[in-house]
Amino acid sequence: MSKLPMDVITDVLYRLPVKTLVRFKSLSKSCCSLIDDPDFIRAHLNRSVRTGSNLNIILKGLHLYSVEFDTLDVAVPLDCPLSLGACTEAFGSCNGLLAIHMSDKNVALYNPSTRQFRRLPVSEIDPPQGESCRPGYVFFGFGQDVRTNDYKVVRMAQFNDNDDEDDEGHSFDYEVKGYSLKNDCWRKITKLPFYLRFMFQFFYHLLHRRGYGVLAAGVLHWVMPPRMELEIFSNKIVGFDLGTEEFTEVPQPECADRGFLLDVGVLEGCLCAVCNYDQVNIDVWVMKEYGVKESWTRLLSVKKTRAVNPLTFSKPLAYSKYRDKVLLEVNNQKFAWYDLQKKKMRSVKIGGSLGTFGAEVYVGSLIPIEDQKRTENQKQDQQDEPSLRKGNRKKRDDFLSQGFKLVL
């Protein structure tokens, strides 16, 4: 390898999966230095995203499983450090990093490819002062602020009135906090729009996605369903910009006039609108240019069949290698390839998968999430430990050699 030009070696390494690169780090110091270089990590990730390589699917149920997208063969348990026999949920993925939690306070970031793990500091949920209320449902989102190259977690905690047992149809106070990986701290978001109080409805946010935000173009997205009592007769797509840390309304596609249940998804980085018409058929629209209403394009339409009856839920996951098919998650129970030319679905069987699950695509990457200062301190402590033990032994020997007197 010493006779090969460096650019040739680098080009070869760009094409390898992350697990192979992690093993190659032990070949030599120069190889390790190259693979750990931030420019190499960035270029490797960009190539994976551009070519659709190194893709995996995470299955989210009581436990987490991972499936290689190229084979869609067998689901294997995801060895996550946060899993201690309890339910661990993944609420987002970005550039190969998974955001996971076991409770509202037990939150972490995890890179399955490198097995780097980082637990987030605990941040309490603080009810509004002077009001009698209790924390209700908590929704999460995770993504990257591309302007600062920072990864952020967003937590929205909704509060219920202590004296009201039936909260359906009421408005709710919210607390919104954001976590910055660069700063390793939480910060309260104070600029909240008034319509946020009316976003929550029980069935809407616990069904399918568990109320987790969908990331596209550096913005997390939720859906505010119609509220007839407030004369809000249509769905609204609500976005939270991770750069400005402000909420905004996102234009939605011009769907059919008849009523539908709206959900959001993401396909190859583009925001998707999933319109469900009475569990009979589902249309998937793609926003090709973010924020431009006219760029909404209907990608596909799935109809109820004997094999899929009723059609309660579907969302797009990824294009096939030749972009002639789209992999769909259907009814939280199965996968199917949708042929964009023939407009037909074909079921995909994956061994070892769960009976009921949510699915999300993530790309393998070398993006580091460990606290470098903490890691350096731990290494320094390990280096200092032998000398400390040696110094303690010397003090003990000097003390014993001098003897001691007992005073009666």
Protein backbone atom coordinates (compact mmCIF):
# COMPACT_ATOMS: atom_id res chain seq x y z
CA MET A 1 0.00 0.00 0.00
CA SER A 2 2.97 2.31 0.54
CA LYS A 3 3.45 2.41 -3.26
CA LEU A 4 -0.14 3.48 -3.96
CA PRO A 5 -0.94 7.18 -4.32
CA MET A 6 -2.74 8.58 -1.27
CA ASP A 7 -5.69 9.83 -3.30
CA VAL A 8 -6.27 6.30 -4.63
CA ILE A 9 -6.24 4.85 -1.10
CA THR A 10 -8.61 7.55 0.09
CA ASP A 11 -10.99 6.96 -2.81
CA VAL A 12 -11.10 3.25 -2.00
CA LEU A 13 -11.80 3.93 1.67
CA TYR A 14 -14.67 6.28 0.77
CA ARG A 15 -16.48 3.30 -0.76
CA LEU A 16 -16.24 1.02 2.27
CA PRO A 17 -18.92 0.54 4.95
CA VAL A 18 -18.35 2.04 8.37
CA LYS A 19 -17.83 -1.28 10.17
CA THR A 20 -14.95 -2.10 7.82
CA LEU A 21 -13.39 1.32 8.31
CA VAL A 22 -13.55 0.91 12.09
CA ARG A 23 -11.58 -2.34 11.79
CA PHE A 24 -9.06 -0.72 9.42
CA LYS A 25 -8.22 1.88 12.07
CA SER A 26 -6.14 -0.79 13.81
CA LEU A 27 -3.91 -1.36 10.75
CA SER A 28 -1.61 1.57 11.37
CA LYS A 29 -1.41 5.00 12.95
CA SER A 30 -1.56 6.70 9.57
CA CYS A 31 -4.65 4.75 8.57
CA CYS A 32 -6.31 5.54 11.88
CA SER A 33 -5.42 9.22 11.52
CA LEU A 34 -6.92 9.32 8.02
CA ILE A 35 -10.21 7.65 8.99
CA ASP A 36 -10.58 9.87 12.07
CA ASP A 37 -9.97 13.04 10.08
CA PRO A 38 -13.10 15.28 10.09
CA ASP A 39 -12.75 15.97 6.36
CA PHE A 40 -12.68 12.23 5.60
CA ILE A 41 -15.70 11.61 7.87
CA ARG A 42 -17.64 14.39 6.13
CA ALA A 43 -16.71 13.21 2.63
CA HIS A 44 -17.55 9.58 3.43
CA LEU A 45 -20.98 10.61 4.75
CA ASN A 46 -21.67 12.86 1.74
CA ARG A 47 -20.85 10.04 -0.66
CA SER A 48 -23.11 7.61 1.22
CA VAL A 49 -25.99 10.09 1.08
CA ARG A 50 -25.39 10.96 -2.57
CA THR A 51 -25.20 7.33 -3.74
CA GLY A 52 -27.78 5.87 -1.35
CA SER A 53 -25.23 3.44 0.09
CA ASN A 54 -24.64 2.28 3.67
CA LEU A 55 -28.38 2.51 4.38
CA ASN A 56 -30.05 0.63 7.20
CA ILE A 57 -33.59 0.39 8.54
CA ILE A 58 -34.29 0.51 12.24
CA LEU A 59 -37.39 -1.31 13.49
CA LYS A 60 -38.90 0.33 16.55
CA GLY A 61 -41.00 -1.74 18.93
CA LEU A 62 -40.45 -2.86 22.51
CA HIS A 63 -36.84 -3.37 21.41
CA LEU A 64 -34.76 -2.00 18.55
CA TYR A 65 -33.74 -4.03 15.50
CA SER A 66 -31.66 -3.18 12.46
CA VAL A 67 -31.92 -4.38 8.84
CA GLU A 68 -29.46 -3.76 6.01
CA PHE A 69 -31.32 -1.95 3.25
CA ASP A 70 -29.40 -3.59 0.38
CA THR A 71 -30.48 -7.08 1.43
CA LEU A 72 -33.70 -6.56 3.47
CA ASP A 73 -32.93 -10.03 4.76
CA VAL A 74 -32.85 -10.47 8.55
CA ALA A 75 -33.59 -8.09 11.39
CA VAL A 76 -30.92 -8.28 14.10
CA PRO A 77 -31.21 -6.81 17.61
CA LEU A 78 -29.58 -3.42 17.96
CA ASP A 79 -27.12 -3.56 20.83
CA CYS A 80 -27.92 -0.24 22.45
CA PRO A 81 -26.24 0.75 25.77
CA LEU A 82 -29.41 2.49 26.95
CA SER A 83 -31.40 -0.76 26.80
CA LEU A 84 -31.57 -2.31 30.26
CA GLY A 85 -34.45 -4.70 29.76
CA ALA A 86 -36.96 -1.87 29.46
CA CYS A 87 -38.58 -0.24 26.46
CA THR A 88 -36.15 1.92 24.50
CA GLU A 89 -37.59 4.11 21.76
CA ALA A 90 -35.77 5.78 18.87
CA PHE A 91 -37.36 9.11 18.04
CA GLY A 92 -35.13 10.33 15.24
CA SER A 93 -32.07 9.76 13.08
CA CYS A 94 -29.70 12.13 11.33
CA ASN A 95 -26.39 11.44 9.56
CA GLY A 96 -26.08 8.01 11.17
CA LEU A 97 -26.89 9.17 14.71
CA LEU A 98 -29.93 7.83 16.54
CA ALA A 99 -31.74 9.76 19.25
CA ILE A 100 -33.20 7.35 21.81
CA HIS A 101 -34.92 7.52 25.16
CA MET A 102 -36.31 5.28 27.90
CA SER A 103 -38.14 8.09 29.69
CA ASP A 104 -38.63 11.84 29.46
CA LYS A 105 -35.36 12.34 31.37
CA ASN A 106 -33.33 9.36 30.18
CA VAL A 107 -32.28 10.49 26.69
CA ALA A 108 -29.16 9.64 24.69
CA LEU A 109 -27.51 9.81 21.28
CA TYR A 110 -26.07 6.65 19.74
CA ASN A 111 -24.08 5.83 16.62
CA PRO A 112 -24.84 2.13 15.87
CA SER A 113 -22.00 1.88 13.34
CA THR A 114 -19.21 3.03 15.69
CA ARG A 115 -21.09 2.15 18.92
CA GLN A 116 -20.32 5.56 20.35
CA PHE A 117 -22.87 6.54 22.97
CA ARG A 118 -23.62 9.76 24.79
CA ARG A 119 -26.20 10.25 27.51
CA LEU A 120 -27.75 13.71 27.59
CA PRO A 121 -27.82 15.71 30.84
CA VAL A 122 -31.10 15.52 32.73
CA SER A 123 -33.48 18.43 32.22
CA GLU A 124 -36.56 18.68 34.42
CA ILE A 125 -40.00 19.42 33.01
CA ASP A 126 -41.18 22.61 34.72
CA PRO A 127 -44.95 23.33 34.77
CA PRO A 128 -46.02 26.95 34.31
CA GLN A 129 -45.71 28.96 37.51
CA GLY A 130 -48.88 29.80 39.35
CA GLU A 131 -51.02 27.27 37.44
CA SER A 132 -52.50 23.99 38.63
CA CYS A 133 -51.40 21.49 35.99
CA ARG A 134 -49.50 18.26 35.50
CA PRO A 135 -47.16 17.09 32.71
CA GLY A 136 -49.02 15.23 29.98
CA TYR A 137 -47.59 13.80 26.80
CA VAL A 138 -44.02 14.53 25.77
CA PHE A 139 -42.93 14.70 22.13
CA PHE A 140 -39.36 14.60 20.82
CA GLY A 141 -37.51 15.54 17.68
CA PHE A 142 -33.87 15.28 16.56
CA GLY A 143 -31.83 16.76 13.74
CA GLN A 144 -28.91 18.88 12.59
CA ASP A 145 -28.58 22.63 12.49
CA VAL A 146 -26.70 22.79 9.19
CA ARG A 147 -25.66 26.42 9.74
CA THR A 148 -23.59 25.63 12.83
CA ASN A 149 -23.06 21.89 12.22
CA ASP A 150 -24.66 21.23 15.59
CA TYR A 151 -26.97 18.33 16.46
CA LYS A 152 -30.04 19.23 18.48
CA VAL A 153 -32.79 17.44 20.40
CA VAL A 154 -36.16 19.15 20.85
CA ARG A 155 -38.54 18.18 23.66
CA MET A 156 -42.13 19.44 23.77
CA ALA A 157 -43.96 18.75 27.05
CA GLN A 158 -47.72 19.32 27.08
CA PHE A 159 -49.49 20.13 30.36
CA ASN A 160 -52.97 19.07 31.50
CA ASP A 161 -55.26 20.76 34.00
CA ASN A 162 -55.14 18.92 37.34
CA ASP A 163 -58.85 19.48 37.85
CA ASP A 164 -60.00 18.32 34.42
CA GLU A 165 -60.13 14.58 33.82
CA ASP A 166 -61.31 14.97 30.24
CA ASP A 167 -58.77 17.06 28.35
CA GLU A 168 -59.92 16.20 24.84
CA GLY A 169 -60.76 19.32 22.88
CA HIS A 170 -59.09 21.71 25.32
CA SER A 171 -56.05 23.89 24.79
CA PHE A 172 -52.77 23.06 26.51
CA ASP A 173 -49.75 24.91 27.75
CA TYR A 174 -46.44 23.69 26.37
CA GLU A 175 -42.86 23.75 27.52
CA VAL A 176 -40.31 23.47 24.72
CA LYS A 177 -36.62 22.87 25.37
CA GLY A 178 -33.73 22.32 22.97
CA TYR A 179 -30.49 20.42 23.59
CA SER A 180 -27.26 21.36 21.79
CA LEU A 181 -24.60 18.67 21.34
CA LYS A 182 -21.88 21.32 20.93
CA ASN A 183 -22.78 23.06 24.18
CA ASP A 184 -23.96 19.87 25.96
CA CYS A 185 -26.85 21.69 27.62
CA TRP A 186 -30.59 22.31 27.39
CA ARG A 187 -32.14 25.70 26.70
CA LYS A 188 -35.76 26.76 27.08
CA ILE A 189 -37.47 27.99 23.91
CA THR A 190 -39.60 30.99 24.87
CA LYS A 191 -40.94 32.17 21.50
CA LEU A 192 -43.93 29.85 21.10
CA PRO A 193 -46.84 30.49 18.69
CA PHE A 194 -50.35 30.58 20.10
CA TYR A 195 -51.56 27.78 17.80
CA LEU A 196 -49.20 25.37 19.52
CA ARG A 197 -51.74 25.18 22.36
CA PHE A 198 -54.20 23.46 20.02
CA MET A 199 -51.84 21.03 18.29
CA PHE A 200 -52.38 18.06 20.59
CA GLN A 201 -55.07 15.44 20.04
CA PHE A 202 -54.84 12.06 21.72
CA PHE A 203 -55.32 9.75 18.72
CA TYR A 204 -53.26 11.90 16.40
CA HIS A 205 -49.98 11.91 18.26
CA LEU A 206 -50.00 8.48 19.83
CA LEU A 207 -50.89 6.70 16.61
CA HIS A 208 -48.15 5.65 14.17
CA ARG A 209 -45.23 7.99 14.88
CA ARG A 210 -45.78 8.55 18.62
CA GLY A 211 -45.69 12.29 18.01
CA TYR A 212 -42.03 12.37 17.03
CA GLY A 213 -40.90 15.16 14.72
CA VAL A 214 -40.00 14.43 11.09
CA LEU A 215 -36.75 16.02 9.90
CA ALA A 216 -36.41 17.61 6.46
CA ALA A 217 -34.27 20.57 5.34
CA GLY A 218 -33.11 21.27 8.89
CA VAL A 219 -36.69 21.61 10.14
CA LEU A 220 -38.68 19.26 12.40
CA HIS A 221 -42.31 18.76 11.40
CA TRP A 222 -45.54 17.89 13.16
CA VAL A 223 -49.19 17.98 12.08
CA MET A 224 -51.89 20.06 13.75
CA PRO A 225 -55.19 18.31 12.96
CA PRO A 226 -58.48 20.13 12.31
CA ARG A 227 -60.18 21.64 15.38
CA MET A 228 -63.83 22.19 14.51
CA GLU A 229 -64.58 23.93 17.80
CA LEU A 230 -62.01 26.56 16.85
CA GLU A 231 -63.18 26.74 13.23
CA ILE A 232 -59.90 25.24 12.07
CA PHE A 233 -61.23 23.04 9.27
CA SER A 234 -58.02 21.85 7.63
CA ASN A 235 -54.76 20.20 8.61
CA LYS A 236 -51.68 22.29 9.21
CA ILE A 237 -48.04 21.24 8.94
CA VAL A 238 -46.08 22.86 11.76
CA GLY A 239 -42.29 23.18 11.50
CA PHE A 240 -39.56 23.97 14.02
CA ASP A 241 -36.43 25.41 12.41
CA LEU A 242 -33.37 24.03 14.21
CA GLY A 243 -31.31 27.03 13.09
CA THR A 244 -33.55 29.90 14.14
CA GLU A 245 -35.28 27.80 16.85
CA GLU A 246 -38.65 29.18 15.83
CA PHE A 247 -41.95 27.57 14.83
CA THR A 248 -43.43 28.17 11.40
CA GLU A 249 -46.34 26.98 9.26
CA VAL A 250 -45.32 24.94 6.22
CA PRO A 251 -47.47 25.04 3.05
CA GLN A 252 -49.22 21.76 2.36
CA PRO A 253 -50.20 20.26 -1.00
CA GLU A 254 -53.52 20.88 -2.71
CA CYS A 255 -55.10 17.53 -1.93
CA ALA A 256 -58.64 16.52 -2.84
CA ASP A 257 -61.48 18.52 -1.37
CA ARG A 258 -62.90 15.62 0.65
CA GLY A 259 -61.62 15.08 4.15
CA PHE A 260 -58.43 13.17 4.83
CA LEU A 261 -56.09 12.33 7.68
CA LEU A 262 -52.72 13.99 7.15
CA ASP A 263 -49.33 12.74 8.31
CA VAL A 264 -45.79 13.73 7.39
CA GLY A 265 -42.74 11.71 6.40
CA VAL A 266 -39.40 12.13 4.67
CA LEU A 267 -37.99 10.57 1.52
CA GLU A 268 -34.36 11.13 0.55
CA GLY A 269 -34.29 14.36 2.57
CA CYS A 270 -37.51 15.76 1.09
CA LEU A 271 -40.62 16.42 3.15
CA CYS A 272 -43.57 14.13 2.36
CA ALA A 273 -47.26 14.60 3.02
CA VAL A 274 -49.22 11.37 3.49
CA CYS A 275 -52.96 11.86 2.87
CA ASN A 276 -55.19 9.01 4.08
CA TYR A 277 -58.72 8.99 2.61
CA ASP A 278 -60.99 6.97 4.92
CA GLN A 279 -58.57 3.99 4.97
CA VAL A 280 -59.42 3.32 1.32
CA ASN A 281 -56.44 4.89 -0.42
CA ILE A 282 -53.36 6.89 0.56
CA ASP A 283 -51.62 9.53 -1.53
CA VAL A 284 -47.97 10.43 -0.95
CA TRP A 285 -46.84 13.92 -1.99
CA VAL A 286 -43.21 15.11 -2.09
CA MET A 287 -42.06 18.72 -1.61
CA LYS A 288 -39.20 18.87 -4.11
CA GLU A 289 -38.15 22.42 -3.17
CA TYR A 290 -38.55 23.04 0.52
CA GLY A 291 -40.95 25.80 1.48
CA VAL A 292 -42.32 26.23 -2.05
CA LYS A 293 -45.98 25.26 -2.21
CA GLU A 294 -45.92 24.83 -5.99
CA SER A 295 -43.18 22.19 -5.73
CA TRP A 296 -45.50 19.65 -4.09
CA THR A 297 -45.76 16.64 -6.46
CA ARG A 298 -47.87 13.54 -6.01
CA LEU A 299 -45.47 10.60 -6.02
CA LEU A 300 -47.77 7.62 -5.63
CA SER A 301 -51.23 6.48 -4.63
CA VAL A 302 -51.80 3.25 -2.67
CA LYS A 303 -55.22 1.59 -2.68
CA LYS A 304 -56.79 -0.89 -0.30
CA THR A 305 -56.48 -4.52 -1.41
CA ARG A 306 -57.45 -7.91 -0.03
CA ALA A 307 -53.95 -8.28 1.39
CA VAL A 308 -54.05 -4.77 2.90
CA ASN A 309 -57.47 -4.22 4.43
CA PRO A 310 -57.99 -1.79 6.05
CA LEU A 311 -55.29 0.59 4.86
CA THR A 312 -54.76 2.42 8.14
CA PHE A 313 -51.23 3.68 7.67
CA SER A 314 -48.42 3.89 5.14
CA LYS A 315 -45.30 5.96 4.75
CA PRO A 316 -42.37 6.04 2.30
CA LEU A 317 -38.92 5.02 3.51
CA ALA A 318 -36.45 4.98 0.61
CA TYR A 319 -36.03 4.68 -3.13
CA SER A 320 -34.63 1.52 -4.68
CA LYS A 321 -31.16 1.51 -6.24
CA TYR A 322 -32.51 2.45 -9.68
CA ARG A 323 -35.18 4.78 -8.23
CA ASP A 324 -37.98 2.88 -9.96
CA LYS A 325 -39.49 1.67 -6.69
CA VAL A 326 -40.22 3.05 -3.24
CA LEU A 327 -40.07 1.00 -0.06
CA LEU A 328 -43.20 1.54 2.06
CA GLU A 329 -44.04 0.76 5.65
CA VAL A 330 -47.65 -0.46 5.71
CA ASN A 331 -49.95 -0.62 8.76
CA ASN A 332 -46.95 -0.84 11.12
CA GLN A 333 -46.78 -4.55 10.23
CA LYS A 334 -45.09 -5.08 6.88
CA PHE A 335 -42.88 -3.65 4.16
CA ALA A 336 -43.75 -3.41 0.49
CA TRP A 337 -42.08 -2.25 -2.70
CA TYR A 338 -44.23 0.13 -4.73
CA ASP A 339 -43.40 0.07 -8.44
CA LEU A 340 -43.66 3.66 -9.70
CA GLN A 341 -44.17 2.54 -13.32
CA LYS A 342 -46.57 -0.38 -12.85
CA LYS A 343 -48.25 1.29 -9.83
CA LYS A 344 -48.36 -2.01 -7.94
CA MET A 345 -47.17 -3.19 -4.52
CA ARG A 346 -45.16 -6.29 -3.67
CA SER A 347 -44.73 -7.44 -0.08
CA VAL A 348 -41.26 -7.83 1.43
CA LYS A 349 -40.64 -10.48 4.08
CA ILE A 350 -37.89 -9.83 6.61
CA GLY A 351 -36.79 -12.62 8.91
CA GLY A 352 -36.74 -11.96 12.64
CA SER A 353 -38.81 -8.78 12.41
CA LEU A 354 -41.41 -7.72 14.94
CA GLY A 355 -45.15 -8.23 14.72
CA THR A 356 -45.83 -4.52 15.12
CA PHE A 357 -43.21 -1.85 14.56
CA GLY A 358 -42.34 1.59 13.33
CA ALA A 359 -39.54 1.96 10.81
CA GLU A 360 -36.96 4.60 10.03
CA VAL A 361 -33.99 4.76 7.67
CA TYR A 362 -30.53 5.71 8.87
CA VAL A 363 -27.19 5.88 7.07
CA GLY A 364 -24.01 4.39 8.48
CA SER A 365 -21.49 7.11 9.37
CA LEU A 366 -18.36 7.88 11.39
CA ILE A 367 -19.85 11.04 12.96
CA PRO A 368 -18.41 11.25 16.52
CA ILE A 369 -20.64 12.05 19.49
CA GLU A 370 -18.34 11.33 22.43
CA ASP A 371 -17.39 14.23 24.69
CA GLN A 372 -13.77 14.78 23.65
CA LYS A 373 -12.81 16.59 26.86
CA ARG A 374 -14.35 13.85 28.97
CA THR A 375 -12.59 11.16 26.90
CA GLU A 376 -9.22 12.93 27.19
CA ASN A 377 -9.66 13.30 30.95
CA GLN A 378 -10.46 9.60 31.28
CA LYS A 379 -7.37 8.67 29.26
CA GLN A 380 -5.23 11.00 31.37
CA ASP A 381 -6.64 9.46 34.56
CA GLN A 382 -5.79 6.00 33.26
CA GLN A 383 -2.23 7.12 32.46
CA ASP A 384 -1.83 8.77 35.87
CA GLU A 385 -3.27 5.86 37.83
CA PRO A 386 -0.08 3.66 37.86
CA SER A 387 2.08 6.58 39.06
CA LEU A 388 -0.49 7.46 41.73
CA ARG A 389 -0.52 3.86 42.99
CA LYS A 390 3.28 3.85 43.00
CA GLY A 391 3.38 7.12 44.97
CA ASN A 392 0.86 5.81 47.51
CA ARG A 393 2.89 2.64 48.05
CA LYS A 394 6.05 4.72 48.64
CA LYS A 395 4.29 6.87 51.25
CA ARG A 396 3.07 3.74 53.02
CA ASP A 397 6.54 2.13 53.01
CA ASP A 398 8.17 5.32 54.35
CA PHE A 399 5.62 5.48 57.12
CA LEU A 400 6.17 1.86 58.16
CA SER A 401 9.97 2.13 57.99
CA GLN A 402 9.97 5.05 60.40
CA GLY A 403 7.81 3.18 62.88
CA PHE A 404 5.32 4.73 65.24
CA LYS A 405 5.00 5.12 69.03
CA LEU A 406 2.07 4.20 71.21
CA VAL A 407 1.38 6.62 74.05
CA LEU A 408 -0.29 4.94 77.06
